C-alpha atoms as a PDB file:
ATOM      1  CA  MET A   1      13.578  10.181   0.594  1.00  0.00           C
ATOM      2  CA  LEU A   2      11.107   7.768  -1.021  1.00  0.00           C
ATOM      3  CA  LEU A   3      13.097   7.535  -4.238  1.00  0.00           C
ATOM      4  CA  SER A   4      16.373   7.043  -2.372  1.00  0.00           C
ATOM      5  CA  GLU A   5      14.864   4.207  -0.330  1.00  0.00           C
ATOM      6  CA  ILE A   6      13.464   2.538  -3.442  1.00  0.00           C
ATOM      7  CA  SER A   7      16.846   2.945  -5.128  1.00  0.00           C
ATOM      8  CA  ALA A   8      18.547   1.339  -2.120  1.00  0.00           C
ATOM      9  CA  ILE A   9      16.177  -1.629  -2.319  1.00  0.00           C
ATOM     10  CA  ILE A  10      16.833  -2.053  -6.037  1.00  0.00           C
ATOM     11  CA  SER A  11      20.591  -1.889  -5.440  1.00  0.00           C
ATOM     12  CA  SER A  12      20.584  -4.402  -2.589  1.00  0.00           C
ATOM     13  CA  ARG A  13      21.013  -8.084  -3.390  1.00  0.00           C
ATOM     14  CA  ARG A  14      19.600  -9.002  -0.005  1.00  0.00           C
ATOM     15  CA  SER A  15      16.463  -6.949  -0.647  1.00  0.00           C
ATOM     16  CA  LYS A  16      15.946  -8.393  -4.115  1.00  0.00           C
ATOM     17  CA  ARG A  17      16.499 -11.962  -2.911  1.00  0.00           C
ATOM     18  CA  THR A  18      13.978 -11.473  -0.102  1.00  0.00           C
ATOM     19  CA  ILE A  19      11.390 -10.020  -2.482  1.00  0.00           C
ATOM     20  CA  LEU A  20      11.981 -12.929  -4.858  1.00  0.00           C
ATOM     21  CA  ILE A  21      11.453 -15.408  -2.006  1.00  0.00           C
ATOM     22  CA  CYS A  22       8.127 -13.735  -1.146  1.00  0.00           C
ATOM     23  CA  VAL A  23       7.012 -13.925  -4.780  1.00  0.00           C
ATOM     24  CA  LEU A  24       8.037 -17.582  -5.078  1.00  0.00           C
ATOM     25  CA  ILE A  25       6.184 -18.480  -1.864  1.00  0.00           C
ATOM     26  CA  VAL A  26       2.978 -16.960  -3.222  1.00  0.00           C
ATOM     27  CA  LEU A  27       3.344 -18.564  -6.664  1.00  0.00           C
ATOM     28  CA  LEU A  28       4.162 -21.952  -5.154  1.00  0.00           C
ATOM     29  CA  ALA A  29       1.023 -21.742  -3.012  1.00  0.00           C
ATOM     30  CA  GLU A  30      -1.068 -21.129  -6.146  1.00  0.00           C
ATOM     31  CA  PHE A  31       0.620 -24.027  -7.921  1.00  0.00           C
ATOM     32  CA  LEU A  32      -0.102 -26.362  -4.995  1.00  0.00           C
ATOM     33  CA  ALA A  33      -3.731 -25.225  -4.929  1.00  0.00           C
ATOM     34  CA  TRP A  34      -4.026 -25.946  -8.662  1.00  0.00           C
ATOM     35  CA  GLN A  35      -2.221 -29.292  -8.380  1.00  0.00           C
ATOM     36  CA  SER A  36      -4.427 -30.490  -5.532  1.00  0.00           C
ATOM     37  CA  ASN A  37      -7.585 -29.844  -7.547  1.00  0.00           C
ATOM     38  CA  PHE A  38      -7.203 -30.030 -11.307  1.00  0.00           C
ATOM     39  CA  PRO A  39      -5.314 -33.295 -12.089  1.00  0.00           C
ATOM     40  CA  GLY A  40      -8.030 -35.407 -10.474  1.00  0.00           C
ATOM     41  CA  LEU A  41     -10.800 -33.337 -12.052  1.00  0.00           C
ATOM     42  CA  PHE A  42      -9.287 -33.796 -15.521  1.00  0.00           C
ATOM     43  CA  GLN A  43      -9.604 -37.560 -15.063  1.00  0.00           C
ATOM     44  CA  LEU A  44     -13.162 -37.387 -13.758  1.00  0.00           C
ATOM     45  CA  TYR A  45     -14.370 -34.934 -16.402  1.00  0.00           C
ATOM     46  CA  PRO A  46     -12.371 -35.509 -19.620  1.00  0.00           C
ATOM     47  CA  ASN A  47     -14.946 -33.566 -21.645  1.00  0.00           C
ATOM     48  CA  GLY A  48     -14.831 -30.480 -19.477  1.00  0.00           C
ATOM     49  CA  ILE A  49     -14.844 -29.741 -15.764  1.00  0.00           C
ATOM     50  CA  PRO A  50     -18.113 -28.277 -14.400  1.00  0.00           C
ATOM     51  CA  SER A  51     -17.662 -24.879 -12.779  1.00  0.00           C
ATOM     52  CA  LYS A  52     -19.223 -26.148  -9.546  1.00  0.00           C
ATOM     53  CA  GLU A  53     -16.290 -28.561  -9.139  1.00  0.00           C
ATOM     54  CA  ILE A  54     -13.641 -25.831  -9.473  1.00  0.00           C
ATOM     55  CA  ILE A  55     -12.642 -23.697  -6.495  1.00  0.00           C
ATOM     56  CA  ASN A  56     -13.788 -20.094  -6.647  1.00  0.00           C
ATOM     57  CA  PRO A  57     -10.726 -17.877  -7.427  1.00  0.00           C
ATOM     58  CA  PRO A  58     -10.922 -15.780  -4.229  1.00  0.00           C
ATOM     59  CA  THR A  59     -11.076 -19.004  -2.206  1.00  0.00           C
ATOM     60  CA  ALA A  60      -8.004 -20.315  -4.027  1.00  0.00           C
ATOM     61  CA  ALA A  61      -6.002 -17.091  -3.623  1.00  0.00           C
ATOM     62  CA  PHE A  62      -3.122 -16.841  -1.165  1.00  0.00           C
ATOM     63  CA  LEU A  63      -4.730 -14.995   1.754  1.00  0.00           C
ATOM     64  CA  ALA A  64      -7.620 -17.477   1.867  1.00  0.00           C
ATOM     65  CA  GLY A  65      -5.166 -20.096   3.141  1.00  0.00           C
ATOM     66  CA  ASN A  66      -6.165 -22.968   0.866  1.00  0.00           C
ATOM     67  CA  SER A  67      -5.312 -26.163   2.742  1.00  0.00           C
ATOM     68  CA  SER A  68      -2.792 -27.324   0.140  1.00  0.00           C
ATOM     69  CA  GLY A  69      -0.678 -24.192   0.535  1.00  0.00           C
ATOM     70  CA  GLN A  70      -1.529 -23.215   4.088  1.00  0.00           C
ATOM     71  CA  PHE A  71       1.972 -23.880   5.390  1.00  0.00           C
ATOM     72  CA  LEU A  72       3.295 -21.351   2.865  1.00  0.00           C
ATOM     73  CA  GLN A  73       0.775 -18.784   4.069  1.00  0.00           C
ATOM     74  CA  ILE A  74       2.005 -19.404   7.614  1.00  0.00           C
ATOM     75  CA  ILE A  75       5.607 -18.819   6.510  1.00  0.00           C
ATOM     76  CA  LEU A  76       4.857 -15.529   4.739  1.00  0.00           C
ATOM     77  CA  ILE A  77       2.365 -14.150   7.272  1.00  0.00           C
ATOM     78  CA  TRP A  78       3.842 -15.345  10.558  1.00  0.00           C
ATOM     79  CA  PHE A  79       7.403 -14.408   9.574  1.00  0.00           C
ATOM     80  CA  MET A  80       6.353 -11.127   7.987  1.00  0.00           C
ATOM     81  CA  PRO A  81       8.619  -9.048  10.311  1.00  0.00           C
ATOM     82  CA  ILE A  82      11.688 -10.990   9.173  1.00  0.00           C
ATOM     83  CA  PHE A  83      10.909 -10.346   5.506  1.00  0.00           C
ATOM     84  CA  ILE A  84      10.338  -6.639   6.162  1.00  0.00           C
ATOM     85  CA  ILE A  85      13.643  -6.300   8.006  1.00  0.00           C
ATOM     86  CA  MET A  86      15.497  -8.145   5.250  1.00  0.00           C
ATOM     87  CA  ILE A  87      13.996  -5.981   2.499  1.00  0.00           C
ATOM     88  CA  THR A  88      14.880  -2.575   3.910  1.00  0.00           C
ATOM     89  CA  LEU A  89      15.243  -2.197   7.678  1.00  0.00           C
ATOM     90  CA  GLN A  90      18.465  -4.197   7.982  1.00  0.00           C
ATOM     91  CA  ARG A  91      20.251  -1.242   6.358  1.00  0.00           C
ATOM     92  CA  ILE A  92      18.830   1.122   8.959  1.00  0.00           C
ATOM     93  CA  ILE A  93      20.013  -1.130  11.770  1.00  0.00           C
ATOM     94  CA  GLU A  94      23.494  -1.239  10.231  1.00  0.00           C
ATOM     95  CA  ARG A  95      23.590   2.557   9.848  1.00  0.00           C
ATOM     96  CA  THR A  96      22.632   3.123  13.477  1.00  0.00           C
ATOM     97  CA  HIS A  97      24.765   0.314  14.928  1.00  0.00           C
ATOM     98  CA  GLY A  98      27.518   1.280  17.309  1.00  0.00           C
ATOM     99  CA  GLY A  99      26.073   4.666  18.178  1.00  0.00           C
ATOM    100  CA  SER A 100      26.806   6.323  14.812  1.00  0.00           C
ATOM    101  CA  ASN A 101      23.206   7.393  14.428  1.00  0.00           C
ATOM    102  CA  TYR A 102      22.709   8.740  10.920  1.00  0.00           C
ATOM    103  CA  LEU A 103      19.730  10.728  12.188  1.00  0.00           C
ATOM    104  CA  LEU A 104      22.139  13.187  13.777  1.00  0.00           C
ATOM    105  CA  SER A 105      23.176  14.364  10.330  1.00  0.00           C
ATOM    106  CA  THR A 106      19.830  16.166  10.125  1.00  0.00           C
ATOM    107  CA  ARG A 107      19.423  19.569  11.732  1.00  0.00           C
ATOM    108  CA  MET A 108      17.608  19.603  15.082  1.00  0.00           C
ATOM    109  CA  GLY A 109      14.897  21.849  13.688  1.00  0.00           C
ATOM    110  CA  THR A 110      13.967  19.225  11.107  1.00  0.00           C
ATOM    111  CA  LEU A 111      14.122  16.078  13.258  1.00  0.00           C
ATOM    112  CA  ASP A 112      10.377  15.840  13.773  1.00  0.00           C
ATOM    113  CA  LYS A 113       9.709  16.257  10.060  1.00  0.00           C
ATOM    114  CA  PHE A 114      12.420  13.737   9.272  1.00  0.00           C
ATOM    115  CA  PHE A 115      10.877  11.110  11.547  1.00  0.00           C
ATOM    116  CA  VAL A 116       7.411  11.631  10.111  1.00  0.00           C
ATOM    117  CA  ARG A 117       8.654  11.476   6.511  1.00  0.00           C
ATOM    118  CA  SER A 118      10.801   8.398   7.095  1.00  0.00           C
ATOM    119  CA  GLU A 119       7.945   6.551   8.796  1.00  0.00           C
ATOM    120  CA  LEU A 120       5.543   7.485   6.000  1.00  0.00           C
ATOM    121  CA  VAL A 121       8.084   6.196   3.478  1.00  0.00           C
ATOM    122  CA  GLN A 122       8.238   2.817   5.219  1.00  0.00           C
ATOM    123  CA  PHE A 123       4.449   2.667   5.398  1.00  0.00           C
ATOM    124  CA  PHE A 124       4.086   3.517   1.710  1.00  0.00           C
ATOM    125  CA  ILE A 125       6.773   1.105   0.509  1.00  0.00           C
ATOM    126  CA  PHE A 126       5.450  -1.951   2.324  1.00  0.00           C
ATOM    127  CA  SER A 127       1.758  -1.203   1.867  1.00  0.00           C
ATOM    128  CA  THR A 128       2.436  -0.904  -1.857  1.00  0.00           C
ATOM    129  CA  PHE A 129       4.652  -3.989  -1.891  1.00  0.00           C
ATOM    130  CA  TYR A 130       2.039  -6.210  -0.278  1.00  0.00           C
ATOM    131  CA  MET A 131      -0.780  -4.780  -2.397  1.00  0.00           C
ATOM    132  CA  ILE A 132       1.194  -5.647  -5.525  1.00  0.00           C
ATOM    133  CA  LEU A 133       2.175  -9.070  -4.160  1.00  0.00           C
ATOM    134  CA  PHE A 134      -1.313 -10.124  -3.079  1.00  0.00           C
ATOM    135  CA  GLY A 135      -2.970  -8.340  -5.995  1.00  0.00           C
ATOM    136  CA  CYS A 136      -0.843 -10.156  -8.576  1.00  0.00           C
ATOM    137  CA  ASP A 137      -1.490 -13.424  -6.755  1.00  0.00           C
ATOM    138  CA  PHE A 138      -5.227 -12.763  -7.044  1.00  0.00           C
ATOM    139  CA  VAL A 139      -4.860 -12.224 -10.786  1.00  0.00           C
ATOM    140  CA  VAL A 140      -3.009 -15.557 -11.045  1.00  0.00           C
ATOM    141  CA  ALA A 141      -5.789 -17.262  -9.056  1.00  0.00           C
ATOM    142  CA  ILE A 142      -8.417 -15.774 -11.380  1.00  0.00           C
ATOM    143  CA  ILE A 143      -6.520 -17.083 -14.412  1.00  0.00           C
ATOM    144  CA  LEU A 144      -6.025 -20.574 -12.966  1.00  0.00           C
ATOM    145  CA  PHE A 145      -9.504 -20.966 -11.467  1.00  0.00           C
ATOM    146  CA  HIS A 146     -11.471 -18.601 -13.728  1.00  0.00           C
ATOM    147  CA  LYS A 147     -14.512 -20.890 -14.077  1.00  0.00           C
ATOM    148  CA  GLY A 148     -14.699 -21.886 -10.438  1.00  0.00           C
ATOM    149  CA  THR A 149     -17.794 -21.383  -8.305  1.00  0.00           C
ATOM    150  CA  SER A 150     -17.151 -23.836  -5.458  1.00  0.00           C
ATOM    151  CA  PHE A 151     -16.623 -22.583  -1.908  1.00  0.00           C
ATOM    152  CA  MET A 152     -15.721 -26.065  -0.652  1.00  0.00           C
ATOM    153  CA  GLY A 153     -18.766 -26.389   1.582  1.00  0.00           C
ATOM    154  CA  MET A 154     -18.329 -23.081   3.397  1.00  0.00           C
ATOM    155  CA  GLU A 155     -21.908 -22.157   2.547  1.00  0.00           C
ATOM    156  CA  ASP A 156     -23.122 -24.160   5.556  1.00  0.00           C
ATOM    157  CA  SER A 157     -20.821 -22.255   7.913  1.00  0.00           C
ATOM    158  CA  ALA A 158     -22.132 -18.958   6.524  1.00  0.00           C
ATOM    159  CA  LYS A 159     -25.395 -19.598   8.370  1.00  0.00           C
ATOM    160  CA  TYR A 160     -23.597 -18.776  11.611  1.00  0.00           C
ATOM    161  CA  SER A 161     -21.463 -15.849  10.402  1.00  0.00           C
ATOM    162  CA  HIS A 162     -22.856 -12.707   8.811  1.00  0.00           C
ATOM    163  CA  LEU A 163     -19.362 -11.693   7.696  1.00  0.00           C
ATOM    164  CA  LEU A 164     -18.706 -15.027   5.983  1.00  0.00           C
ATOM    165  CA  HIS A 165     -22.139 -14.815   4.351  1.00  0.00           C
ATOM    166  CA  LEU A 166     -21.225 -11.430   2.841  1.00  0.00           C
ATOM    167  CA  GLU A 167     -17.857 -12.760   1.682  1.00  0.00           C
ATOM    168  CA  ILE A 168     -19.517 -15.670  -0.117  1.00  0.00           C
ATOM    169  CA  GLU A 169     -22.152 -13.384  -1.635  1.00  0.00           C
ATOM    170  CA  HIS A 170     -19.499 -10.955  -2.919  1.00  0.00           C
ATOM    171  CA  PRO A 171     -16.237 -12.961  -3.006  1.00  0.00           C
ATOM    172  CA  TYR A 172     -14.291 -10.750  -5.416  1.00  0.00           C
ATOM    173  CA  VAL A 173     -15.118  -7.494  -3.648  1.00  0.00           C
ATOM    174  CA  ALA A 174     -14.465  -9.116  -0.265  1.00  0.00           C
ATOM    175  CA  TYR A 175     -11.068 -10.449  -1.296  1.00  0.00           C
ATOM    176  CA  ILE A 176      -9.981  -7.111  -2.775  1.00  0.00           C
ATOM    177  CA  LEU A 177     -10.959  -5.375   0.470  1.00  0.00           C
ATOM    178  CA  PHE A 178      -8.960  -7.946   2.424  1.00  0.00           C
ATOM    179  CA  VAL A 179      -5.929  -7.321   0.206  1.00  0.00           C
ATOM    180  CA  ILE A 180      -6.166  -3.575   0.843  1.00  0.00           C
ATOM    181  CA  ILE A 181      -6.696  -3.882   4.610  1.00  0.00           C
ATOM    182  CA  VAL A 182      -3.987  -6.516   5.093  1.00  0.00           C
ATOM    183  CA  SER A 183      -1.499  -4.533   2.996  1.00  0.00           C
ATOM    184  CA  LEU A 184      -2.157  -1.338   4.958  1.00  0.00           C
ATOM    185  CA  ALA A 185      -1.843  -3.280   8.223  1.00  0.00           C
ATOM    186  CA  PHE A 186       1.492  -4.754   7.166  1.00  0.00           C
ATOM    187  CA  GLY A 187       2.605  -1.285   6.095  1.00  0.00           C
ATOM    188  CA  LEU A 188       1.735   0.006   9.561  1.00  0.00           C
ATOM    189  CA  PHE A 189       3.609  -2.848  11.204  1.00  0.00           C
ATOM    190  CA  SER A 190       6.652  -1.975   9.087  1.00  0.00           C
ATOM    191  CA  VAL A 191       6.582   1.412  10.852  1.00  0.00           C
ATOM    192  CA  VAL A 192       6.502  -0.429  14.188  1.00  0.00           C
ATOM    193  CA  ILE A 193       9.596  -2.402  13.163  1.00  0.00           C
ATOM    194  CA  TYR A 194      11.249   0.778  11.859  1.00  0.00           C
ATOM    195  CA  VAL A 195      10.736   2.499  15.215  1.00  0.00           C
ATOM    196  CA  LEU A 196      12.025  -0.565  17.062  1.00  0.00           C
ATOM    197  CA  ALA A 197      15.082  -0.660  14.793  1.00  0.00           C
ATOM    198  CA  LEU A 198      15.934   2.979  15.535  1.00  0.00           C
ATOM    199  CA  SER A 199      15.264   2.533  19.248  1.00  0.00           C
ATOM    200  CA  ILE A 200      17.156  -0.721  19.799  1.00  0.00           C
ATOM    201  CA  ARG A 201      19.862  -0.397  17.115  1.00  0.00           C
ATOM    202  CA  LYS A 202      21.081  -3.977  17.593  1.00  0.00           C
ATOM    203  CA  THR A 203      20.403  -6.624  14.977  1.00  0.00           C
ATOM    204  CA  ILE A 204      20.513  -9.455  17.498  1.00  0.00           C
ATOM    205  CA  LEU A 205      17.589  -7.833  19.351  1.00  0.00           C
ATOM    206  CA  VAL A 206      15.503  -6.285  16.574  1.00  0.00           C
ATOM    207  CA  TYR A 207      14.759  -9.602  14.860  1.00  0.00           C
ATOM    208  CA  PRO A 208      13.460 -11.539  17.899  1.00  0.00           C
ATOM    209  CA  ILE A 209      11.627  -8.558  19.422  1.00  0.00           C
ATOM    210  CA  SER A 210       9.837  -7.701  16.166  1.00  0.00           C
ATOM    211  CA  LEU A 211       8.938 -11.323  15.501  1.00  0.00           C
ATOM    212  CA  GLY A 212       7.959 -11.885  19.132  1.00  0.00           C
ATOM    213  CA  LEU A 213       5.651  -8.867  19.111  1.00  0.00           C
ATOM    214  CA  TRP A 214       3.938 -10.067  15.934  1.00  0.00           C
ATOM    215  CA  ILE A 215       3.524 -13.635  17.247  1.00  0.00           C
ATOM    216  CA  PHE A 216       2.137 -12.167  20.475  1.00  0.00           C
ATOM    217  CA  MET A 217      -0.451 -10.237  18.439  1.00  0.00           C
ATOM    218  CA  ILE A 218      -1.378 -13.430  16.596  1.00  0.00           C
ATOM    219  CA  ALA A 219      -1.726 -15.316  19.894  1.00  0.00           C
ATOM    220  CA  LEU A 220      -4.056 -12.758  21.507  1.00  0.00           C
ATOM    221  CA  PRO A 221      -7.733 -13.650  22.078  1.00  0.00           C
ATOM    222  CA  TYR A 222      -8.538 -11.211  19.274  1.00  0.00           C
ATOM    223  CA  SER A 223      -5.782 -12.575  17.068  1.00  0.00           C
ATOM    224  CA  SER A 224      -4.342 -10.476  14.258  1.00  0.00           C
ATOM    225  CA  SER A 225      -4.806 -13.538  12.066  1.00  0.00           C
ATOM    226  CA  TYR A 226      -8.574 -12.897  12.111  1.00  0.00           C
ATOM    227  CA  PHE A 227      -8.291  -9.908   9.783  1.00  0.00           C
ATOM    228  CA  THR A 228      -5.593 -11.369   7.535  1.00  0.00           C
ATOM    229  CA  GLN A 229      -7.564 -14.349   6.244  1.00  0.00           C
ATOM    230  CA  PRO A 230     -10.899 -14.164   4.403  1.00  0.00           C
ATOM    231  CA  PHE A 231     -13.489 -16.949   4.234  1.00  0.00           C
ATOM    232  CA  ILE A 232     -13.180 -18.125   7.817  1.00  0.00           C
ATOM    233  CA  GLU A 233     -16.026 -18.681  10.269  1.00  0.00           C
ATOM    234  CA  TYR A 234     -15.337 -15.708  12.546  1.00  0.00           C
ATOM    235  CA  ASP A 235     -17.916 -12.940  12.552  1.00  0.00           C
ATOM    236  CA  TRP A 236     -17.784  -9.154  12.839  1.00  0.00           C
ATOM    237  CA  ASN A 237     -17.018  -9.151  16.579  1.00  0.00           C
ATOM    238  CA  GLU A 238     -13.818 -11.135  16.109  1.00  0.00           C
ATOM    239  CA  TYR A 239     -12.818  -9.268  12.952  1.00  0.00           C
ATOM    240  CA  ILE A 240     -13.292  -5.758  14.345  1.00  0.00           C
ATOM    241  CA  GLY A 241     -11.838  -6.769  17.710  1.00  0.00           C
ATOM    242  CA  SER A 242      -8.684  -8.089  16.050  1.00  0.00           C
ATOM    243  CA  LEU A 243      -8.268  -4.890  14.018  1.00  0.00           C
ATOM    244  CA  ILE A 244      -8.720  -2.667  17.067  1.00  0.00           C
ATOM    245  CA  SER A 245      -6.276  -4.778  19.085  1.00  0.00           C
ATOM    246  CA  PHE A 246      -3.716  -4.599  16.271  1.00  0.00           C
ATOM    247  CA  LEU A 247      -4.090  -0.840  15.822  1.00  0.00           C
ATOM    248  CA  LEU A 248      -3.854  -0.088  19.552  1.00  0.00           C
ATOM    249  CA  ILE A 249      -0.636  -2.072  19.979  1.00  0.00           C
ATOM    250  CA  CYS A 250       0.915  -0.477  16.887  1.00  0.00           C
ATOM    251  CA  VAL A 251       0.011   3.049  18.028  1.00  0.00           C
ATOM    252  CA  VAL A 252       1.402   2.448  21.523  1.00  0.00           C
ATOM    253  CA  VAL A 253       4.699   1.003  20.241  1.00  0.00           C
ATOM    254  CA  ILE A 254       5.140   3.731  17.611  1.00  0.00           C
ATOM    255  CA  THR A 255       4.378   6.498  20.121  1.00  0.00           C
ATOM    256  CA  ILE A 256       6.741   5.201  22.806  1.00  0.00           C
ATOM    257  CA  GLY A 257       9.412   4.413  20.216  1.00  0.00           C
ATOM    258  CA  ASN A 258       9.273   7.915  18.757  1.00  0.00           C
ATOM    259  CA  VAL A 259       9.678   9.448  22.207  1.00  0.00           C
ATOM    260  CA  VAL A 260      12.724   7.264  22.888  1.00  0.00           C
ATOM    261  CA  ILE A 261      14.286   8.073  19.504  1.00  0.00           C
ATOM    262  CA  ARG A 262      13.796  11.822  19.917  1.00  0.00           C
ATOM    263  CA  LEU A 263      15.182  11.872  23.449  1.00  0.00           C
ATOM    264  CA  ARG A 264      18.236   9.848  22.443  1.00  0.00           C
ATOM    265  CA  SER A 265      18.898  11.914  19.306  1.00  0.00           C
ATOM    266  CA  LYS A 266      18.618  15.241  21.131  1.00  0.00           C
ATOM    267  CA  HIS A 267      20.771  13.980  24.013  1.00  0.00           C
ATOM    268  CA  VAL A 268      23.553  12.882  21.657  1.00  0.00           C
ATOM    269  CA  TYR A 269      23.205  16.055  19.582  1.00  0.00           C
ATOM    270  CA  PHE A 270      23.707  18.343  22.581  1.00  0.00           C
ATOM    271  CA  LYS A 271      26.373  16.189  24.179  1.00  0.00           C
END
């Protein structure tokens, strides 16, 4: 199942174009971060730029939301459900559209296993995709800003946030952990969208509902944006609260969605 899904992505022009757009967004953000810092520094320090004047690589990386490329971070993060649907879930919606549910081709005795496997496949594909995307971006940031030690004045804010203090003390470890956690979270949300796609089975509804749910999670008091961006002034309470809020909503939607899918599939099967 995993290999067939990967093969379908490779064979789909829409999937490849969407992946390319994601890559270009990340690379453009790094270019803007470099352009907003280095040209002026070259003029000020023609004999060599001091490391204290160069942004620290983790601070310049995509998830950190450097001001010069912040609008690109908003595009990729806030519209994450749209990108996920375009990469793989659009095909599932098309297969299930009009009541011709492809799930019915599986034997009733294997439906539960099929659902679990298919959801794990979505989780694995998108967790891996975002780990590679954000991981490669981090490598690019390290190459472009490899001498940098500046945190752009965030040291003062660290006095009021234990979490930010730890991130500044161990920026590389902190950023890698953020990449892993954010990628796993996006992988989990891809399962949420997958369940919604199988439950709703209408393209015109899946897009706005998935995006609306994600924006709702961002707009909550414990916003999902708190755990997607490192080097911000929020402390452990906000970070852990946002993760718990995100996980609870995902679990509820996945659980209810699975019940709906199973009831519908069995009803149609026995009809």
